[in-house]
Every structure is written in C-alpha cells, then in structure tokens.
PDB file of all heavy atoms in Angstrom:
ATOM      1  N   SER A   1     -46.584-194.459 -51.995  1.00  0.00           N
ATOM      2  CA  SER A   1     -47.028-194.561 -53.377  1.00  0.00           C
ATOM      3  C   SER A   1     -47.596-193.212 -53.794  1.00  0.00           C
ATOM      4  O   SER A   1     -47.903-192.372 -52.941  1.00  0.00           O
ATOM      5  CB  SER A   1     -48.077-195.669 -53.551  1.00  0.00           C
ATOM      6  OG  SER A   1     -49.198-195.429 -52.727  1.00  0.00           O
ATOM      7  N   TYR A   2     -47.732-193.018 -55.082  1.00  0.00           N
ATOM      8  CA  TYR A   2     -48.132-191.713 -55.607  1.00  0.00           C
ATOM      9  C   TYR A   2     -49.390-191.833 -56.459  1.00  0.00           C
ATOM     10  O   TYR A   2     -49.709-192.899 -56.987  1.00  0.00           O
ATOM     11  CB  TYR A   2     -46.991-191.108 -56.436  1.00  0.00           C
ATOM     12  CG  TYR A   2     -45.765-190.815 -55.613  1.00  0.00           C
ATOM     13  CD1 TYR A   2     -44.826-191.812 -55.344  1.00  0.00           C
ATOM     14  CD2 TYR A   2     -45.543-189.556 -55.068  1.00  0.00           C
ATOM     15  CE1 TYR A   2     -43.706-191.561 -54.567  1.00  0.00           C
ATOM     16  CE2 TYR A   2     -44.430-189.297 -54.292  1.00  0.00           C
ATOM     17  CZ  TYR A   2     -43.512-190.299 -54.040  1.00  0.00           C
ATOM     18  OH  TYR A   2     -42.414-190.046 -53.262  1.00  0.00           O
ATOM     19  N   LYS A   3     -50.088-190.710 -56.601  1.00  0.00           N
ATOM     20  CA  LYS A   3     -51.336-190.719 -57.356  1.00  0.00           C
ATOM     21  C   LYS A   3     -51.100-190.837 -58.856  1.00  0.00           C
ATOM     22  O   LYS A   3     -51.967-191.272 -59.598  1.00  0.00           O
ATOM     23  CB  LYS A   3     -52.145-189.458 -57.046  1.00  0.00           C
ATOM     24  CG  LYS A   3     -52.674-189.424 -55.625  1.00  0.00           C
ATOM     25  CD  LYS A   3     -53.400-188.144 -55.315  1.00  0.00           C
ATOM     26  CE  LYS A   3     -54.734-188.052 -56.009  1.00  0.00           C
ATOM     27  NZ  LYS A   3     -55.512-186.876 -55.566  1.00  0.00           N
ATOM     28  N   ASN A   4     -49.931-190.425 -59.311  1.00  0.00           N
ATOM     29  CA  ASN A   4     -49.626-190.602 -60.733  1.00  0.00           C
ATOM     30  C   ASN A   4     -48.133-190.886 -60.895  1.00  0.00           C
ATOM     31  O   ASN A   4     -47.316-190.483 -60.051  1.00  0.00           O
ATOM     32  CB  ASN A   4     -50.064-189.380 -61.558  1.00  0.00           C
ATOM     33  CG  ASN A   4     -49.278-188.136 -61.228  1.00  0.00           C
ATOM     34  OD1 ASN A   4     -48.087-188.053 -61.539  1.00  0.00           O
ATOM     35  ND2 ASN A   4     -49.927-187.146 -60.610  1.00  0.00           N
ATOM     36  N   PRO A   5     -47.758-191.570 -61.959  1.00  0.00           N
ATOM     37  CA  PRO A   5     -46.360-191.999 -62.142  1.00  0.00           C
ATOM     38  C   PRO A   5     -45.382-190.842 -62.311  1.00  0.00           C
ATOM     39  O   PRO A   5     -44.195-190.991 -61.996  1.00  0.00           O
ATOM     40  CB  PRO A   5     -46.410-192.871 -63.401  1.00  0.00           C
ATOM     41  CG  PRO A   5     -47.666-192.486 -64.097  1.00  0.00           C
ATOM     42  CD  PRO A   5     -48.629-192.113 -63.018  1.00  0.00           C
ATOM     43  N   THR A   6     -45.847-189.694 -62.781  1.00  0.00           N
ATOM     44  CA  THR A   6     -44.952-188.550 -62.983  1.00  0.00           C
ATOM     45  C   THR A   6     -44.372-188.065 -61.660  1.00  0.00           C
ATOM     46  O   THR A   6     -43.195-187.698 -61.584  1.00  0.00           O
ATOM     47  CB  THR A   6     -45.697-187.389 -63.674  1.00  0.00           C
ATOM     48  OG1 THR A   6     -46.238-187.858 -64.912  1.00  0.00           O
ATOM     49  CG2 THR A   6     -44.757-186.233 -63.948  1.00  0.00           C
ATOM     50  N   GLU A   7     -45.188-188.080 -60.624  1.00  0.00           N
ATOM     51  CA  GLU A   7     -44.721-187.639 -59.312  1.00  0.00           C
ATOM     52  C   GLU A   7     -43.629-188.564 -58.783  1.00  0.00           C
ATOM     53  O   GLU A   7     -42.609-188.098 -58.261  1.00  0.00           O
ATOM     54  CB  GLU A   7     -45.903-187.588 -58.335  1.00  0.00           C
ATOM     55  CG  GLU A   7     -46.943-186.536 -58.686  1.00  0.00           C
ATOM     56  CD  GLU A   7     -48.192-186.651 -57.848  1.00  0.00           C
ATOM     57  OE1 GLU A   7     -48.458-187.735 -57.295  1.00  0.00           O
ATOM     58  OE2 GLU A   7     -48.919-185.648 -57.738  1.00  0.00           O
ATOM     59  N   LYS A   8     -43.848-189.852 -58.899  1.00  0.00           N
ATOM     60  CA  LYS A   8     -42.831-190.818 -58.452  1.00  0.00           C
ATOM     61  C   LYS A   8     -41.557-190.688 -59.275  1.00  0.00           C
ATOM     62  O   LYS A   8     -40.444-190.748 -58.734  1.00  0.00           O
ATOM     63  CB  LYS A   8     -43.372-192.247 -58.545  1.00  0.00           C
ATOM     64  CG  LYS A   8     -42.392-193.299 -58.014  1.00  0.00           C
ATOM     65  CD  LYS A   8     -42.961-194.685 -58.114  1.00  0.00           C
ATOM     66  CE  LYS A   8     -42.055-195.704 -57.413  1.00  0.00           C
ATOM     67  NZ  LYS A   8     -40.665-195.660 -57.876  1.00  0.00           N
ATOM     68  N   GLU A   9     -41.729-190.496 -60.581  1.00  0.00           N
ATOM     69  CA  GLU A   9     -40.570-190.340 -61.457  1.00  0.00           C
ATOM     70  C   GLU A   9     -39.725-189.148 -61.031  1.00  0.00           C
ATOM     71  O   GLU A   9     -38.490-189.201 -61.039  1.00  0.00           O
ATOM     72  CB  GLU A   9     -41.046-190.153 -62.899  1.00  0.00           C
ATOM     73  CG  GLU A   9     -39.916-189.997 -63.910  1.00  0.00           C
ATOM     74  CD  GLU A   9     -40.431-189.741 -65.318  1.00  0.00           C
ATOM     75  OE1 GLU A   9     -41.648-189.539 -65.485  1.00  0.00           O
ATOM     76  OE2 GLU A   9     -39.604-189.724 -66.251  1.00  0.00           O
ATOM     77  N   TYR A  10     -40.390-188.072 -60.635  1.00  0.00           N
ATOM     78  CA  TYR A  10     -39.682-186.861 -60.208  1.00  0.00           C
ATOM     79  C   TYR A  10     -38.865-187.124 -58.940  1.00  0.00           C
ATOM     80  O   TYR A  10     -37.685-186.761 -58.861  1.00  0.00           O
ATOM     81  CB  TYR A  10     -40.682-185.738 -59.968  1.00  0.00           C
ATOM     82  CG  TYR A  10     -40.057-184.456 -59.484  1.00  0.00           C
ATOM     83  CD1 TYR A  10     -39.286-183.665 -60.333  1.00  0.00           C
ATOM     84  CD2 TYR A  10     -40.217-184.033 -58.162  1.00  0.00           C
ATOM     85  CE1 TYR A  10     -38.704-182.489 -59.889  1.00  0.00           C
ATOM     86  CE2 TYR A  10     -39.640-182.862 -57.708  1.00  0.00           C
ATOM     87  CZ  TYR A  10     -38.888-182.087 -58.576  1.00  0.00           C
ATOM     88  OH  TYR A  10     -38.307-180.929 -58.123  1.00  0.00           O
ATOM     89  N   VAL A  11     -39.484-187.763 -57.957  1.00  0.00           N
ATOM     90  CA  VAL A  11     -38.785-188.057 -56.699  1.00  0.00           C
ATOM     91  C   VAL A  11     -37.622-189.014 -56.941  1.00  0.00           C
ATOM     92  O   VAL A  11     -36.517-188.814 -56.408  1.00  0.00           O
ATOM     93  CB  VAL A  11     -39.767-188.640 -55.657  1.00  0.00           C
ATOM     94  CG1 VAL A  11     -39.013-189.154 -54.433  1.00  0.00           C
ATOM     95  CG2 VAL A  11     -40.793-187.596 -55.248  1.00  0.00           C
ATOM     96  N   ASP A  12     -37.845-190.046 -57.752  1.00  0.00           N
ATOM     97  CA  ASP A  12     -36.775-190.993 -58.066  1.00  0.00           C
ATOM     98  C   ASP A  12     -35.625-190.297 -58.795  1.00  0.00           C
ATOM     99  O   ASP A  12     -34.446-190.624 -58.578  1.00  0.00           O
ATOM    100  CB  ASP A  12     -37.312-192.134 -58.931  1.00  0.00           C
ATOM    101  CG  ASP A  12     -38.211-193.082 -58.157  1.00  0.00           C
ATOM    102  OD1 ASP A  12     -38.193-193.029 -56.910  1.00  0.00           O
ATOM    103  OD2 ASP A  12     -38.936-193.874 -58.795  1.00  0.00           O
ATOM    104  N   PHE A  13     -35.969-189.352 -59.661  1.00  0.00           N
ATOM    105  CA  PHE A  13     -34.947-188.601 -60.391  1.00  0.00           C
ATOM    106  C   PHE A  13     -34.074-187.795 -59.428  1.00  0.00           C
ATOM    107  O   PHE A  13     -32.836-187.802 -59.539  1.00  0.00           O
ATOM    108  CB  PHE A  13     -35.606-187.663 -61.401  1.00  0.00           C
ATOM    109  CG  PHE A  13     -34.648-186.684 -62.045  1.00  0.00           C
ATOM    110  CD1 PHE A  13     -33.775-187.082 -63.038  1.00  0.00           C
ATOM    111  CD2 PHE A  13     -34.625-185.349 -61.631  1.00  0.00           C
ATOM    112  CE1 PHE A  13     -32.886-186.181 -63.624  1.00  0.00           C
ATOM    113  CE2 PHE A  13     -33.739-184.447 -62.210  1.00  0.00           C
ATOM    114  CZ  PHE A  13     -32.866-184.861 -63.211  1.00  0.00           C
ATOM    115  N   LEU A  14     -34.693-187.123 -58.476  1.00  0.00           N
ATOM    116  CA  LEU A  14     -33.927-186.335 -57.499  1.00  0.00           C
ATOM    117  C   LEU A  14     -32.987-187.229 -56.703  1.00  0.00           C
ATOM    118  O   LEU A  14     -31.831-186.865 -56.453  1.00  0.00           O
ATOM    119  CB  LEU A  14     -34.880-185.594 -56.553  1.00  0.00           C
ATOM    120  CG  LEU A  14     -35.717-184.471 -57.154  1.00  0.00           C
ATOM    121  CD1 LEU A  14     -36.617-183.860 -56.082  1.00  0.00           C
ATOM    122  CD2 LEU A  14     -34.834-183.383 -57.769  1.00  0.00           C
ATOM    123  N   TRP A  15     -33.481-188.397 -56.291  1.00  0.00           N
ATOM    124  CA  TRP A  15     -32.634-189.314 -55.528  1.00  0.00           C
ATOM    125  C   TRP A  15     -31.458-189.785 -56.375  1.00  0.00           C
ATOM    126  O   TRP A  15     -30.332-189.866 -55.899  1.00  0.00           O
ATOM    127  CB  TRP A  15     -33.447-190.508 -55.030  1.00  0.00           C
ATOM    128  CG  TRP A  15     -32.604-191.523 -54.312  1.00  0.00           C
ATOM    129  CD1 TRP A  15     -32.225-192.749 -54.757  1.00  0.00           C
ATOM    130  CD2 TRP A  15     -31.988-191.370 -53.019  1.00  0.00           C
ATOM    131  NE1 TRP A  15     -31.433-193.383 -53.826  1.00  0.00           N
ATOM    132  CE2 TRP A  15     -31.274-192.560 -52.754  1.00  0.00           C
ATOM    133  CE3 TRP A  15     -31.989-190.360 -52.069  1.00  0.00           C
ATOM    134  CZ2 TRP A  15     -30.568-192.758 -51.565  1.00  0.00           C
ATOM    135  CZ3 TRP A  15     -31.271-190.549 -50.887  1.00  0.00           C
ATOM    136  CH2 TRP A  15     -30.570-191.728 -50.647  1.00  0.00           C
ATOM    137  N   ASP A  16     -31.705-190.089 -57.633  1.00  0.00           N
ATOM    138  CA  ASP A  16     -30.648-190.539 -58.530  1.00  0.00           C
ATOM    139  C   ASP A  16     -29.592-189.447 -58.714  1.00  0.00           C
ATOM    140  O   ASP A  16     -28.383-189.728 -58.714  1.00  0.00           O
ATOM    141  CB  ASP A  16     -31.243-190.927 -59.878  1.00  0.00           C
ATOM    142  CG  ASP A  16     -30.186-191.477 -60.837  1.00  0.00           C
ATOM    143  OD1 ASP A  16     -29.567-192.499 -60.518  1.00  0.00           O
ATOM    144  OD2 ASP A  16     -29.973-190.855 -61.897  1.00  0.00           O
ATOM    145  N   VAL A  17     -30.037-188.202 -58.846  1.00  0.00           N
ATOM    146  CA  VAL A  17     -29.106-187.076 -58.982  1.00  0.00           C
ATOM    147  C   VAL A  17     -28.266-186.951 -57.714  1.00  0.00           C
ATOM    148  O   VAL A  17     -27.050-186.726 -57.770  1.00  0.00           O
ATOM    149  CB  VAL A  17     -29.864-185.766 -59.262  1.00  0.00           C
ATOM    150  CG1 VAL A  17     -28.915-184.573 -59.188  1.00  0.00           C
ATOM    151  CG2 VAL A  17     -30.528-185.819 -60.638  1.00  0.00           C
ATOM    152  N   PHE A  18     -28.921-187.094 -56.569  1.00  0.00           N
ATOM    153  CA  PHE A  18     -28.196-187.018 -55.298  1.00  0.00           C
ATOM    154  C   PHE A  18     -27.126-188.102 -55.213  1.00  0.00           C
ATOM    155  O   PHE A  18     -25.955-187.817 -54.930  1.00  0.00           O
ATOM    156  CB  PHE A  18     -29.164-187.155 -54.123  1.00  0.00           C
ATOM    157  CG  PHE A  18     -28.479-187.435 -52.813  1.00  0.00           C
ATOM    158  CD1 PHE A  18     -27.775-186.442 -52.148  1.00  0.00           C
ATOM    159  CD2 PHE A  18     -28.495-188.716 -52.267  1.00  0.00           C
ATOM    160  CE1 PHE A  18     -27.117-186.709 -50.950  1.00  0.00           C
ATOM    161  CE2 PHE A  18     -27.845-188.991 -51.077  1.00  0.00           C
ATOM    162  CZ  PHE A  18     -27.150-187.984 -50.420  1.00  0.00           C
ATOM    163  N   VAL A  19     -27.513-189.350 -55.465  1.00  0.00           N
ATOM    164  CA  VAL A  19     -26.586-190.485 -55.343  1.00  0.00           C
ATOM    165  C   VAL A  19     -25.417-190.341 -56.317  1.00  0.00           C
ATOM    166  O   VAL A  19     -24.247-190.543 -55.950  1.00  0.00           O
ATOM    167  CB  VAL A  19     -27.321-191.818 -55.578  1.00  0.00           C
ATOM    168  CG1 VAL A  19     -26.330-192.974 -55.679  1.00  0.00           C
ATOM    169  CG2 VAL A  19     -28.321-192.078 -54.460  1.00  0.00           C
ATOM    170  N   THR A  20     -25.717-189.986 -57.557  1.00  0.00           N
ATOM    171  CA  THR A  20     -24.677-189.850 -58.582  1.00  0.00           C
ATOM    172  C   THR A  20     -23.632-188.822 -58.180  1.00  0.00           C
ATOM    173  O   THR A  20     -22.417-189.066 -58.279  1.00  0.00           O
ATOM    174  CB  THR A  20     -25.301-189.466 -59.937  1.00  0.00           C
ATOM    175  OG1 THR A  20     -26.224-190.485 -60.338  1.00  0.00           O
ATOM    176  CG2 THR A  20     -24.225-189.313 -61.002  1.00  0.00           C
ATOM    177  N   ASN A  21     -24.095-187.662 -57.725  1.00  0.00           N
ATOM    178  CA  ASN A  21     -23.160-186.591 -57.348  1.00  0.00           C
ATOM    179  C   ASN A  21     -22.463-186.881 -56.021  1.00  0.00           C
ATOM    180  O   ASN A  21     -21.297-186.519 -55.839  1.00  0.00           O
ATOM    181  CB  ASN A  21     -23.903-185.256 -57.269  1.00  0.00           C
ATOM    182  CG  ASN A  21     -24.180-184.664 -58.635  1.00  0.00           C
ATOM    183  OD1 ASN A  21     -23.286-184.125 -59.282  1.00  0.00           O
ATOM    184  ND2 ASN A  21     -25.415-184.778 -59.089  1.00  0.00           N
ATOM    185  N   TYR A  22     -23.152-187.550 -55.108  1.00  0.00           N
ATOM    186  CA  TYR A  22     -22.539-187.917 -53.830  1.00  0.00           C
ATOM    187  C   TYR A  22     -21.364-188.864 -54.071  1.00  0.00           C
ATOM    188  O   TYR A  22     -20.263-188.672 -53.531  1.00  0.00           O
ATOM    189  CB  TYR A  22     -23.587-188.576 -52.941  1.00  0.00           C
ATOM    190  CG  TYR A  22     -23.147-188.816 -51.517  1.00  0.00           C
ATOM    191  CD1 TYR A  22     -23.471-187.921 -50.497  1.00  0.00           C
ATOM    192  CD2 TYR A  22     -22.428-189.960 -51.166  1.00  0.00           C
ATOM    193  CE1 TYR A  22     -23.081-188.150 -49.179  1.00  0.00           C
ATOM    194  CE2 TYR A  22     -22.035-190.207 -49.864  1.00  0.00           C
ATOM    195  CZ  TYR A  22     -22.361-189.297 -48.873  1.00  0.00           C
ATOM    196  OH  TYR A  22     -21.964-189.526 -47.578  1.00  0.00           O
ATOM    197  N   LYS A  23     -21.589-189.888 -54.883  1.00  0.00           N
ATOM    198  CA  LYS A  23     -20.539-190.859 -55.163  1.00  0.00           C
ATOM    199  C   LYS A  23     -19.385-190.247 -55.946  1.00  0.00           C
ATOM    200  O   LYS A  23     -18.234-190.684 -55.824  1.00  0.00           O
ATOM    201  CB  LYS A  23     -21.121-192.045 -55.928  1.00  0.00           C
ATOM    202  CG  LYS A  23     -22.045-192.913 -55.089  1.00  0.00           C
ATOM    203  CD  LYS A  23     -22.572-194.099 -55.896  1.00  0.00           C
ATOM    204  CE  LYS A  23     -23.424-195.021 -55.033  1.00  0.00           C
ATOM    205  NZ  LYS A  23     -23.971-196.156 -55.812  1.00  0.00           N
ATOM    206  N   ALA A  24     -19.690-189.231 -56.757  1.00  0.00           N
ATOM    207  CA  ALA A  24     -18.655-188.588 -57.571  1.00  0.00           C
ATOM    208  C   ALA A  24     -17.925-187.483 -56.803  1.00  0.00           C
ATOM    209  O   ALA A  24     -16.991-186.863 -57.340  1.00  0.00           O
ATOM    210  CB  ALA A  24     -19.277-188.003 -58.839  1.00  0.00           C
ATOM    211  N   GLY A  25     -18.333-187.251 -55.555  1.00  0.00           N
ATOM    212  CA  GLY A  25     -17.698-186.199 -54.765  1.00  0.00           C
ATOM    213  C   GLY A  25     -18.132-184.805 -55.156  1.00  0.00           C
ATOM    214  O   GLY A  25     -17.508-183.817 -54.741  1.00  0.00           O
ATOM    215  N   LYS A  26     -19.209-184.687 -55.913  1.00  0.00           N
ATOM    216  CA  LYS A  26     -19.756-183.379 -56.298  1.00  0.00           C
ATOM    217  C   LYS A  26     -20.804-182.975 -55.257  1.00  0.00           C
ATOM    218  O   LYS A  26     -22.005-182.899 -55.511  1.00  0.00           O
ATOM    219  CB  LYS A  26     -20.380-183.447 -57.694  1.00  0.00           C
ATOM    220  CG  LYS A  26     -19.458-184.002 -58.777  1.00  0.00           C
ATOM    221  CD  LYS A  26     -18.238-183.117 -58.988  1.00  0.00           C
ATOM    222  CE  LYS A  26     -17.373-183.634 -60.131  1.00  0.00           C
ATOM    223  NZ  LYS A  26     -16.135-182.831 -60.325  1.00  0.00           N
ATOM    224  N   TYR A  27     -20.314-182.715 -54.058  1.00  0.00           N
ATOM    225  CA  TYR A  27     -21.203-182.552 -52.913  1.00  0.00           C
ATOM    226  C   TYR A  27     -22.150-181.353 -52.991  1.00  0.00           C
ATOM    227  O   TYR A  27     -23.300-181.454 -52.540  1.00  0.00           O
ATOM    228  CB  TYR A  27     -20.372-182.510 -51.628  1.00  0.00           C
ATOM    229  CG  TYR A  27     -19.557-183.762 -51.433  1.00  0.00           C
ATOM    230  CD1 TYR A  27     -18.165-183.705 -51.343  1.00  0.00           C
ATOM    231  CD2 TYR A  27     -20.168-185.014 -51.366  1.00  0.00           C
ATOM    232  CE1 TYR A  27     -17.411-184.866 -51.186  1.00  0.00           C
ATOM    233  CE2 TYR A  27     -19.431-186.170 -51.210  1.00  0.00           C
ATOM    234  CZ  TYR A  27     -18.049-186.095 -51.123  1.00  0.00           C
ATOM    235  OH  TYR A  27     -17.312-187.242 -50.969  1.00  0.00           O
TER     236      TYR A  27
END
C-alpha cells in the first residue's frame, strides 16, 4: 500500500503501459 494515491496511480500506470505494449508485441 502507498502513503498517497498518486504514488499507487503511478505504479499502476507503468504496469498498464507494460502489459499493453507486451500484448501488442511492442517489446
């Protein structure tokens, strides 16, 4: 868990970017 929601939002955003590009073959 994080001390503020912005930090969690940032980490979740990075994971989403990773998954999106991984699935699209944009390695």
